[in-house]
C-alpha atoms as a PDB file:
ATOM      1  CA  MET A   1       5.981 -15.338  -9.735  1.00  0.00           C
ATOM      2  CA  PRO A   2       2.370 -15.291 -11.046  1.00  0.00           C
ATOM      3  CA  ASP A   3       1.503 -16.969 -14.288  1.00  0.00           C
ATOM      4  CA  THR A   4       1.543 -14.525 -17.162  1.00  0.00           C
ATOM      5  CA  ALA A   5       0.897 -16.924 -20.022  1.00  0.00           C
ATOM      6  CA  ILE A   6      -0.629 -15.503 -23.200  1.00  0.00           C
ATOM      7  CA  GLY A   7      -3.848 -16.795 -24.666  1.00  0.00           C
ATOM      8  CA  THR A   8      -5.942 -19.762 -23.574  1.00  0.00           C
ATOM      9  CA  THR A   9      -4.932 -23.290 -22.720  1.00  0.00           C
ATOM     10  CA  THR A  10      -7.034 -26.298 -23.563  1.00  0.00           C
ATOM     11  CA  VAL A  11      -6.874 -29.035 -20.906  1.00  0.00           C
ATOM     12  CA  THR A  12      -8.087 -32.509 -21.762  1.00  0.00           C
ATOM     13  CA  GLY A  13      -8.388 -35.622 -19.652  1.00  0.00           C
ATOM     14  CA  ALA A  14     -10.915 -38.129 -18.500  1.00  0.00           C
ATOM     15  CA  GLY A  15     -13.558 -35.449 -18.125  1.00  0.00           C
ATOM     16  CA  PRO A  16     -14.778 -32.800 -20.589  1.00  0.00           C
ATOM     17  CA  THR A  17     -12.352 -30.486 -22.300  1.00  0.00           C
ATOM     18  CA  THR A  18     -11.736 -27.289 -20.270  1.00  0.00           C
ATOM     19  CA  THR A  19     -10.447 -23.928 -21.507  1.00  0.00           C
ATOM     20  CA  VAL A  20      -8.410 -22.072 -18.894  1.00  0.00           C
ATOM     21  CA  THR A  21      -8.370 -18.275 -19.081  1.00  0.00           C
ATOM     22  CA  THR A  22      -4.943 -16.698 -18.792  1.00  0.00           C
ATOM     23  CA  GLU A  23      -3.827 -13.099 -18.354  1.00  0.00           C
ATOM     24  CA  ARG A  24      -4.014 -11.949 -21.941  1.00  0.00           C
ATOM     25  CA  ASP A  25      -7.612 -13.104 -22.387  1.00  0.00           C
ATOM     26  CA  LEU A  26      -8.654 -10.362 -20.006  1.00  0.00           C
ATOM     27  CA  VAL A  27      -6.899  -7.641 -21.965  1.00  0.00           C
ATOM     28  CA  PRO A  28      -9.128  -5.623 -24.304  1.00  0.00           C
ATOM     29  CA  PRO A  29      -8.017  -5.605 -27.957  1.00  0.00           C
ATOM     30  CA  THR A  30      -7.537  -1.837 -28.152  1.00  0.00           C
ATOM     31  CA  ARG A  31      -6.275   0.884 -25.855  1.00  0.00           C
ATOM     32  CA  THR A  32      -9.656   2.604 -25.997  1.00  0.00           C
ATOM     33  CA  SER A  33     -11.634  -0.411 -24.755  1.00  0.00           C
ATOM     34  CA  ARG A  34     -12.269  -0.286 -21.058  1.00  0.00           C
ATOM     35  CA  ALA A  35     -14.664  -1.793 -18.524  1.00  0.00           C
ATOM     36  CA  PRO A  36     -16.696   0.348 -16.136  1.00  0.00           C
ATOM     37  CA  ARG A  37     -15.247   1.037 -12.696  1.00  0.00           C
ATOM     38  CA  PRO A  38     -16.469  -1.597 -10.202  1.00  0.00           C
ATOM     39  CA  ALA A  39     -19.342  -0.366  -8.082  1.00  0.00           C
ATOM     40  CA  ARG A  40     -17.916  -2.046  -4.980  1.00  0.00           C
ATOM     41  CA  ALA A  41     -14.661  -0.105  -5.310  1.00  0.00           C
ATOM     42  CA  ALA A  42     -16.567   3.138  -5.637  1.00  0.00           C
ATOM     43  CA  ALA A  43     -18.540   2.329  -2.457  1.00  0.00           C
ATOM     44  CA  VAL A  44     -15.354   1.508  -0.537  1.00  0.00           C
ATOM     45  CA  LEU A  45     -13.759   4.794  -1.598  1.00  0.00           C
ATOM     46  CA  ARG A  46     -16.815   6.830  -0.688  1.00  0.00           C
ATOM     47  CA  GLY A  47     -16.648   5.391   2.790  1.00  0.00           C
ATOM     48  CA  LEU A  48     -13.010   6.479   3.155  1.00  0.00           C
ATOM     49  CA  ALA A  49     -13.690  10.170   2.631  1.00  0.00           C
ATOM     50  CA  GLY A  50     -11.750  12.256   5.180  1.00  0.00           C
ATOM     51  CA  SER A  51     -10.245   9.226   6.880  1.00  0.00           C
ATOM     52  CA  LEU A  52      -6.941   7.732   7.970  1.00  0.00           C
ATOM     53  CA  ILE A  53      -5.565   4.624   6.232  1.00  0.00           C
ATOM     54  CA  VAL A  54      -2.683   2.951   8.021  1.00  0.00           C
ATOM     55  CA  SER A  55      -0.021   1.086   6.080  1.00  0.00           C
ATOM     56  CA  CYS A  56       1.072  -2.004   8.021  1.00  0.00           C
ATOM     57  CA  GLN A  57       4.170  -3.409   6.333  1.00  0.00           C
ATOM     58  CA  ALA A  58       7.357  -5.173   7.390  1.00  0.00           C
ATOM     59  CA  LEU A  59       9.850  -6.615   4.893  1.00  0.00           C
ATOM     60  CA  PRO A  60      11.822  -9.835   5.220  1.00  0.00           C
ATOM     61  CA  GLY A  61      14.646  -9.402   7.704  1.00  0.00           C
ATOM     62  CA  GLU A  62      12.817  -6.801   9.758  1.00  0.00           C
ATOM     63  CA  PRO A  63      11.869  -7.628  13.373  1.00  0.00           C
ATOM     64  CA  LEU A  64       8.103  -7.380  12.795  1.00  0.00           C
ATOM     65  CA  HIS A  65       8.038  -9.354   9.541  1.00  0.00           C
ATOM     66  CA  GLY A  66       5.347 -12.035   9.431  1.00  0.00           C
ATOM     67  CA  PRO A  67       1.639 -12.363   8.726  1.00  0.00           C
ATOM     68  CA  ASP A  68       0.630 -12.980  12.369  1.00  0.00           C
ATOM     69  CA  ILE A  69       2.382  -9.801  13.488  1.00  0.00           C
ATOM     70  CA  MET A  70       0.952  -7.749  10.655  1.00  0.00           C
ATOM     71  CA  ALA A  71      -2.563  -9.005  11.482  1.00  0.00           C
ATOM     72  CA  ARG A  72      -2.045  -7.791  15.090  1.00  0.00           C
ATOM     73  CA  MET A  73      -0.619  -4.492  13.835  1.00  0.00           C
ATOM     74  CA  ALA A  74      -3.672  -4.014  11.638  1.00  0.00           C
ATOM     75  CA  ARG A  75      -5.995  -4.767  14.570  1.00  0.00           C
ATOM     76  CA  ALA A  76      -4.168  -2.194  16.680  1.00  0.00           C
ATOM     77  CA  ALA A  77      -4.443   0.407  13.923  1.00  0.00           C
ATOM     78  CA  VAL A  78      -8.161  -0.194  13.527  1.00  0.00           C
ATOM     79  CA  ALA A  79      -8.613   0.013  17.305  1.00  0.00           C
ATOM     80  CA  GLY A  80      -6.957   3.392  17.187  1.00  0.00           C
ATOM     81  CA  GLY A  81      -9.248   4.735  14.491  1.00  0.00           C
ATOM     82  CA  ALA A  82      -7.878   3.615  11.118  1.00  0.00           C
ATOM     83  CA  ALA A  83     -10.713   3.413   8.550  1.00  0.00           C
ATOM     84  CA  ALA A  84      -8.726   1.089   6.258  1.00  0.00           C
ATOM     85  CA  VAL A  85      -5.332  -0.615   6.089  1.00  0.00           C
ATOM     86  CA  ARG A  86      -2.762  -0.973   3.324  1.00  0.00           C
ATOM     87  CA  ILE A  87      -1.025  -4.386   3.327  1.00  0.00           C
ATOM     88  CA  ASN A  88       1.847  -5.922   1.323  1.00  0.00           C
ATOM     89  CA  SER A  89       2.215  -9.562   0.189  1.00  0.00           C
ATOM     90  CA  LEU A  90      -0.096 -12.516  -0.271  1.00  0.00           C
ATOM     91  CA  ASP A  91       0.428 -13.992   3.174  1.00  0.00           C
ATOM     92  CA  ASP A  92      -0.025 -10.702   4.979  1.00  0.00           C
ATOM     93  CA  VAL A  93      -3.159  -9.753   2.992  1.00  0.00           C
ATOM     94  CA  ALA A  94      -4.718 -13.132   3.733  1.00  0.00           C
ATOM     95  CA  ALA A  95      -3.894 -12.900   7.448  1.00  0.00           C
ATOM     96  CA  VAL A  96      -5.074  -9.329   7.832  1.00  0.00           C
ATOM     97  CA  ARG A  97      -8.268 -10.082   5.961  1.00  0.00           C
ATOM     98  CA  GLN A  98      -9.147 -12.591   8.671  1.00  0.00           C
ATOM     99  CA  ALA A  99      -8.242 -10.133  11.445  1.00  0.00           C
ATOM    100  CA  VAL A 100     -10.124  -6.924  10.471  1.00  0.00           C
ATOM    101  CA  THR A 101     -13.313  -5.976   8.680  1.00  0.00           C
ATOM    102  CA  VAL A 102     -12.336  -2.531   7.459  1.00  0.00           C
ATOM    103  CA  PRO A 103     -11.399  -2.035   3.754  1.00  0.00           C
ATOM    104  CA  LEU A 104      -8.078  -3.558   2.811  1.00  0.00           C
ATOM    105  CA  ILE A 105      -5.826  -2.032   0.146  1.00  0.00           C
ATOM    106  CA  GLY A 106      -3.489  -4.841  -1.006  1.00  0.00           C
ATOM    107  CA  LEU A 107      -0.222  -4.737  -2.910  1.00  0.00           C
ATOM    108  CA  TRP A 108       2.666  -7.023  -3.720  1.00  0.00           C
ATOM    109  CA  LYS A 109       6.189  -5.652  -3.609  1.00  0.00           C
ATOM    110  CA  ASP A 110       8.313  -7.832  -5.848  1.00  0.00           C
ATOM    111  CA  GLY A 111      11.908  -6.782  -6.456  1.00  0.00           C
ATOM    112  CA  ASP A 112      13.743  -3.528  -5.720  1.00  0.00           C
ATOM    113  CA  ASP A 113      14.154  -1.698  -9.032  1.00  0.00           C
ATOM    114  CA  GLY A 114      11.775  -0.239 -11.600  1.00  0.00           C
ATOM    115  CA  VAL A 115       8.125  -1.229 -11.251  1.00  0.00           C
ATOM    116  CA  TYR A 116       7.973  -3.410  -8.131  1.00  0.00           C
ATOM    117  CA  ILE A 117       4.639  -2.494  -6.552  1.00  0.00           C
ATOM    118  CA  THR A 118       2.248  -5.113  -7.984  1.00  0.00           C
ATOM    119  CA  PRO A 119       4.278  -5.201 -11.220  1.00  0.00           C
ATOM    120  CA  THR A 120       2.046  -7.482 -13.305  1.00  0.00           C
ATOM    121  CA  LEU A 121      -1.589  -8.326 -13.882  1.00  0.00           C
ATOM    122  CA  GLY A 122      -0.991 -11.676 -12.357  1.00  0.00           C
ATOM    123  CA  HIS A 123       0.277 -10.140  -9.129  1.00  0.00           C
ATOM    124  CA  ALA A 124      -2.819  -7.950  -8.931  1.00  0.00           C
ATOM    125  CA  ARG A 125      -5.238 -10.828  -9.489  1.00  0.00           C
ATOM    126  CA  ARG A 126      -3.655 -12.898  -6.733  1.00  0.00           C
ATOM    127  CA  ILE A 127      -3.654 -10.045  -4.245  1.00  0.00           C
ATOM    128  CA  ALA A 128      -7.382  -9.548  -4.894  1.00  0.00           C
ATOM    129  CA  GLU A 129      -7.973 -13.266  -4.468  1.00  0.00           C
ATOM    130  CA  ALA A 130      -6.176 -13.109  -1.116  1.00  0.00           C
ATOM    131  CA  GLY A 131      -8.772 -10.690   0.176  1.00  0.00           C
ATOM    132  CA  ALA A 132      -7.939  -7.135  -0.914  1.00  0.00           C
ATOM    133  CA  ASP A 133     -10.837  -4.746  -1.522  1.00  0.00           C
ATOM    134  CA  LEU A 134      -8.659  -2.502  -3.680  1.00  0.00           C
ATOM    135  CA  VAL A 135      -5.338  -3.361  -5.312  1.00  0.00           C
ATOM    136  CA  ALA A 136      -2.519  -0.770  -5.393  1.00  0.00           C
ATOM    137  CA  ILE A 137      -0.345  -0.872  -8.486  1.00  0.00           C
ATOM    138  CA  ASP A 138       2.594   1.150  -9.802  1.00  0.00           C
ATOM    139  CA  ALA A 139       1.036   3.607 -12.248  1.00  0.00           C
ATOM    140  CA  THR A 140       4.175   5.503 -13.235  1.00  0.00           C
ATOM    141  CA  GLY A 141       5.216   5.771 -16.846  1.00  0.00           C
ATOM    142  CA  ARG A 142       7.795   3.010 -16.463  1.00  0.00           C
ATOM    143  CA  PRO A 143       7.353  -0.276 -18.353  1.00  0.00           C
ATOM    144  CA  ARG A 144       5.361  -2.891 -16.521  1.00  0.00           C
ATOM    145  CA  ARG A 145       7.073  -6.272 -16.166  1.00  0.00           C
ATOM    146  CA  ASP A 146       4.429  -8.190 -18.170  1.00  0.00           C
ATOM    147  CA  GLY A 147       4.577  -5.721 -21.035  1.00  0.00           C
ATOM    148  CA  LEU A 148       0.958  -4.575 -20.592  1.00  0.00           C
ATOM    149  CA  SER A 149       0.073  -0.931 -20.680  1.00  0.00           C
ATOM    150  CA  LEU A 150      -1.508   0.756 -17.685  1.00  0.00           C
ATOM    151  CA  PRO A 151      -4.901   1.176 -19.455  1.00  0.00           C
ATOM    152  CA  HIS A 152      -4.972  -2.524 -20.438  1.00  0.00           C
ATOM    153  CA  THR A 153      -3.997  -3.616 -16.918  1.00  0.00           C
ATOM    154  CA  ILE A 154      -6.745  -1.509 -15.316  1.00  0.00           C
ATOM    155  CA  ALA A 155      -9.351  -2.642 -17.851  1.00  0.00           C
ATOM    156  CA  ALA A 156      -8.496  -6.295 -17.276  1.00  0.00           C
ATOM    157  CA  LEU A 157      -8.825  -5.826 -13.485  1.00  0.00           C
ATOM    158  CA  HIS A 158     -12.109  -4.038 -13.853  1.00  0.00           C
ATOM    159  CA  ARG A 159     -13.420  -6.910 -15.947  1.00  0.00           C
ATOM    160  CA  LEU A 160     -12.786  -9.070 -12.853  1.00  0.00           C
ATOM    161  CA  GLY A 161     -14.487  -6.575 -10.607  1.00  0.00           C
ATOM    162  CA  ILE A 162     -11.218  -5.473  -8.985  1.00  0.00           C
ATOM    163  CA  GLY A 163     -10.760  -1.838  -8.044  1.00  0.00           C
ATOM    164  CA  VAL A 164      -7.418  -0.144  -8.701  1.00  0.00           C
ATOM    165  CA  LEU A 165      -5.506   2.373  -6.627  1.00  0.00           C
ATOM    166  CA  ALA A 166      -2.895   3.930  -8.918  1.00  0.00           C
ATOM    167  CA  ASP A 167       0.396   4.807  -7.136  1.00  0.00           C
ATOM    168  CA  VAL A 168       2.090   7.707  -8.956  1.00  0.00           C
ATOM    169  CA  SER A 169       5.046  10.030  -8.555  1.00  0.00           C
ATOM    170  CA  THR A 170       4.179  13.081 -10.644  1.00  0.00           C
ATOM    171  CA  HIS A 171       1.223  15.232 -11.658  1.00  0.00           C
ATOM    172  CA  GLU A 172       1.333  13.956 -15.256  1.00  0.00           C
ATOM    173  CA  GLU A 173       1.295  10.326 -14.057  1.00  0.00           C
ATOM    174  CA  GLY A 174      -1.736  11.056 -11.913  1.00  0.00           C
ATOM    175  CA  LEU A 175      -3.613  12.545 -14.882  1.00  0.00           C
ATOM    176  CA  ALA A 176      -2.679   9.556 -17.041  1.00  0.00           C
ATOM    177  CA  ALA A 177      -3.812   7.108 -14.366  1.00  0.00           C
ATOM    178  CA  ALA A 178      -7.229   8.795 -14.101  1.00  0.00           C
ATOM    179  CA  ALA A 179      -7.495   8.789 -17.902  1.00  0.00           C
ATOM    180  CA  ALA A 180      -6.735   5.052 -17.785  1.00  0.00           C
ATOM    181  CA  ASN A 181      -9.790   4.656 -15.588  1.00  0.00           C
ATOM    182  CA  ALA A 182      -8.078   4.053 -12.198  1.00  0.00           C
ATOM    183  CA  ASP A 183     -10.578   4.110  -9.349  1.00  0.00           C
ATOM    184  CA  ALA A 184      -8.321   6.339  -7.262  1.00  0.00           C
ATOM    185  CA  VAL A 185      -4.842   7.858  -7.384  1.00  0.00           C
ATOM    186  CA  ALA A 186      -2.234   8.035  -4.615  1.00  0.00           C
ATOM    187  CA  THR A 187       0.944  10.086  -4.281  1.00  0.00           C
ATOM    188  CA  THR A 188       2.801   7.070  -2.911  1.00  0.00           C
ATOM    189  CA  LEU A 189       5.769   7.105  -5.266  1.00  0.00           C
ATOM    190  CA  SER A 190       6.601  10.846  -5.185  1.00  0.00           C
ATOM    191  CA  GLY A 191      10.331  11.071  -4.567  1.00  0.00           C
ATOM    192  CA  TYR A 192      10.991   7.482  -5.383  1.00  0.00           C
ATOM    193  CA  THR A 193      11.335   7.538  -9.141  1.00  0.00           C
ATOM    194  CA  PRO A 194      13.851   9.255 -11.488  1.00  0.00           C
ATOM    195  CA  ASP A 195      11.090  11.669 -12.616  1.00  0.00           C
ATOM    196  CA  SER A 196      10.319  12.934  -9.077  1.00  0.00           C
ATOM    197  CA  ALA A 197      12.808  14.731  -6.843  1.00  0.00           C
ATOM    198  CA  PRO A 198      12.345  13.746  -3.252  1.00  0.00           C
ATOM    199  CA  PRO A 199      10.873  16.717  -1.330  1.00  0.00           C
ATOM    200  CA  ASP A 200      11.693  17.493   2.270  1.00  0.00           C
ATOM    201  CA  GLY A 201       8.668  15.857   3.850  1.00  0.00           C
ATOM    202  CA  PRO A 202       5.246  15.204   2.266  1.00  0.00           C
ATOM    203  CA  ASP A 203       4.770  16.293  -1.338  1.00  0.00           C
ATOM    204  CA  PHE A 204       2.033  18.818  -0.588  1.00  0.00           C
ATOM    205  CA  THR A 205       2.517  20.459  -4.001  1.00  0.00           C
ATOM    206  CA  LEU A 206       1.557  17.222  -5.738  1.00  0.00           C
ATOM    207  CA  VAL A 207      -1.338  16.635  -3.396  1.00  0.00           C
ATOM    208  CA  THR A 208      -2.682  20.125  -4.116  1.00  0.00           C
ATOM    209  CA  SER A 209      -2.339  19.907  -7.890  1.00  0.00           C
ATOM    210  CA  LEU A 210      -3.821  16.428  -8.282  1.00  0.00           C
ATOM    211  CA  ALA A 211      -6.639  17.042  -5.854  1.00  0.00           C
ATOM    212  CA  ALA A 212      -7.686  19.998  -7.988  1.00  0.00           C
ATOM    213  CA  ALA A 213      -7.261  18.279 -11.344  1.00  0.00           C
ATOM    214  CA  LEU A 214      -8.656  14.731 -10.886  1.00  0.00           C
ATOM    215  CA  ASP A 215     -12.216  13.519 -11.104  1.00  0.00           C
ATOM    216  CA  VAL A 216     -11.332  10.458  -8.970  1.00  0.00           C
ATOM    217  CA  PRO A 217     -10.338  10.379  -5.263  1.00  0.00           C
ATOM    218  CA  LEU A 218      -6.798  11.539  -4.505  1.00  0.00           C
ATOM    219  CA  ILE A 219      -5.106   9.744  -1.604  1.00  0.00           C
ATOM    220  CA  ALA A 220      -2.156  11.488   0.019  1.00  0.00           C
ATOM    221  CA  GLU A 221       0.681   9.136   0.891  1.00  0.00           C
ATOM    222  CA  GLY A 222       4.420   9.473   1.437  1.00  0.00           C
ATOM    223  CA  ARG A 223       6.572  10.790   4.316  1.00  0.00           C
ATOM    224  CA  ILE A 224       3.552  11.955   6.365  1.00  0.00           C
ATOM    225  CA  THR A 225       4.887  11.738   9.888  1.00  0.00           C
ATOM    226  CA  THR A 226       2.728  13.960  12.081  1.00  0.00           C
ATOM    227  CA  PRO A 227      -0.985  14.451  12.714  1.00  0.00           C
ATOM    228  CA  ALA A 228      -0.631  18.049  11.568  1.00  0.00           C
ATOM    229  CA  GLU A 229       0.789  16.920   8.194  1.00  0.00           C
ATOM    230  CA  ALA A 230      -2.096  14.462   7.772  1.00  0.00           C
ATOM    231  CA  ALA A 231      -4.655  17.164   8.554  1.00  0.00           C
ATOM    232  CA  ARG A 232      -2.920  19.524   6.111  1.00  0.00           C
ATOM    233  CA  ALA A 233      -3.178  16.939   3.326  1.00  0.00           C
ATOM    234  CA  LEU A 234      -6.941  16.679   3.830  1.00  0.00           C
ATOM    235  CA  ALA A 235      -7.274  20.478   3.959  1.00  0.00           C
ATOM    236  CA  LEU A 236      -5.424  20.652   0.581  1.00  0.00           C
ATOM    237  CA  GLY A 237      -8.061  18.405  -1.019  1.00  0.00           C
ATOM    238  CA  ALA A 238      -6.939  14.821  -0.385  1.00  0.00           C
ATOM    239  CA  HIS A 239      -9.825  12.373  -0.137  1.00  0.00           C
ATOM    240  CA  ALA A 240      -7.975  10.302   2.493  1.00  0.00           C
ATOM    241  CA  VAL A 241      -4.515  10.038   3.969  1.00  0.00           C
ATOM    242  CA  VAL A 242      -2.190   7.028   4.293  1.00  0.00           C
ATOM    243  CA  VAL A 243       0.318   7.000   7.168  1.00  0.00           C
ATOM    244  CA  GLY A 244       2.775   4.126   7.456  1.00  0.00           C
ATOM    245  CA  GLY A 245       6.171   4.323   9.093  1.00  0.00           C
ATOM    246  CA  ALA A 246       5.231   7.015  11.565  1.00  0.00           C
ATOM    247  CA  ILE A 247       2.748   4.586  13.133  1.00  0.00           C
ATOM    248  CA  THR A 248       3.815   1.026  12.294  1.00  0.00           C
ATOM    249  CA  ARG A 249       7.619   0.954  12.006  1.00  0.00           C
ATOM    250  CA  PRO A 250       9.103   1.133  15.516  1.00  0.00           C
ATOM    251  CA  THR A 251      12.693   0.697  14.266  1.00  0.00           C
ATOM    252  CA  ALA A 252      12.417   3.775  12.049  1.00  0.00           C
ATOM    253  CA  ILE A 253      10.644   5.748  14.780  1.00  0.00           C
ATOM    254  CA  THR A 254      13.371   4.867  17.246  1.00  0.00           C
ATOM    255  CA  GLU A 255      16.052   5.857  14.757  1.00  0.00           C
ATOM    256  CA  ARG A 256      14.565   9.345  14.446  1.00  0.00           C
ATOM    257  CA  PHE A 257      14.535   9.841  18.212  1.00  0.00           C
ATOM    258  CA  ALA A 258      18.112   8.501  18.496  1.00  0.00           C
ATOM    259  CA  ALA A 259      19.346  10.769  15.704  1.00  0.00           C
ATOM    260  CA  ALA A 260      17.703  13.804  17.328  1.00  0.00           C
ATOM    261  CA  LEU A 261      19.494  13.055  20.599  1.00  0.00           C
ATOM    262  CA  GLY A 262      22.888  12.770  18.986  1.00  0.00           C
ATOM    263  CA  PRO A 263      25.561  10.063  18.668  1.00  0.00           C
ATOM    264  CA  ALA A 264      25.656   9.304  22.393  1.00  0.00           C
ATOM    265  CA  SER A 265      22.111   8.084  22.339  1.00  0.00           C
ATOM    266  CA  ALA A 266      23.038   5.349  19.893  1.00  0.00           C
ATOM    267  CA  ALA A 267      25.760   3.937  22.124  1.00  0.00           C
ATOM    268  CA  PRO A 268      24.825   0.849  24.190  1.00  0.00           C
ATOM    269  CA  THR A 269      24.184   1.528  27.846  1.00  0.00           C
ATOM    270  CA  PRO A 270      26.781  -0.270  30.038  1.00  0.00           C
ATOM    271  CA  SER A 271      25.344  -3.056  32.124  1.00  0.00           C
ATOM    272  CA  VAL A 272      25.712  -2.122  35.779  1.00  0.00           C
ATOM    273  CA  PRO A 273      24.856  -4.674  38.444  1.00  0.00           C
ATOM    274  CA  SER A 274      22.147  -3.621  40.802  1.00  0.00           C
ATOM    275  CA  PRO A 275      23.452  -2.930  44.335  1.00  0.00           C
ATOM    276  CA  VAL A 276      22.447  -5.396  47.061  1.00  0.00           C
ATOM    277  CA  ILE A 277      20.347  -3.579  49.641  1.00  0.00           C
ATOM    278  CA  ARG A 278      20.319  -5.107  53.078  1.00  0.00           C
ATOM    279  CA  ARG A 279      17.358  -4.185  55.168  1.00  0.00           C
ATOM    280  CA  THR A 280      17.481  -3.791  58.976  1.00  0.00           C
ATOM    281  CA  ALA A 281      14.719  -4.943  61.191  1.00  0.00           C
ATOM    282  CA  GLU A 282      13.472  -1.365  61.536  1.00  0.00           C
ATOM    283  CA  GLU A 283      13.083  -0.666  57.789  1.00  0.00           C
ATOM    284  CA  PRO A 284       9.627  -1.105  56.192  1.00  0.00           C
ATOM    285  CA  THR A 285       9.366  -3.555  53.357  1.00  0.00           C
ATOM    286  CA  ALA A 286       6.648  -1.676  51.479  1.00  0.00           C
END
């Protein structure tokens, strides 16, 4: 868990006294104080207009979990045309940063309930230090684990030159994230919070409403499983589209095919010994 100490710490020793900046030193004193959006983040986002971002993630216990595999997955996605990648965890971000040169959106999933996508300022700082060009954070209305408000968190990250992608679940959350000075907003959490009912497929209604209302880029993400759905999201006003499981999660892809074929497809195929074929002198061997 990242350090979330409050205030400054004075360290003394044989050398000169040193003051170490901790998380709260970066937080502006009032809700209205905010730093300008980082120019580098704006440049990265401009370059992603109309593009595909591929989310390469595998959680502990899954067959593809591990930084080496995620680095190879990211390289494969870029070879196929991905303009950027979205990567979870410190180890994976660091490995993928060494493997690809395209923009990297980093996040840190910590826990299972409530705010678990980059849940504190400390998480966000460390993901940026690992090599992320933008840091994705939960920007829903739920309390953040370190007690900081969304505007304070974004302002602190901007003071460090870190761009923020705000993952939201509703229209109201998207507006609030933009008002809090997020560099971009994504529909990532639609259907995954108590305030958002899971739609059947991508939440095109949310994509449409936020794309029309925001003055920052809107990135469509969540349950986009076909090229046609990705193209539709762009047509509805999305700045870019994130696709994850439909490209990078072979277990989930296989499960969809197996489910479509019925219960019999899930049954293991009996192992049948291959017959021994005896050739005669007259039979060709090739």
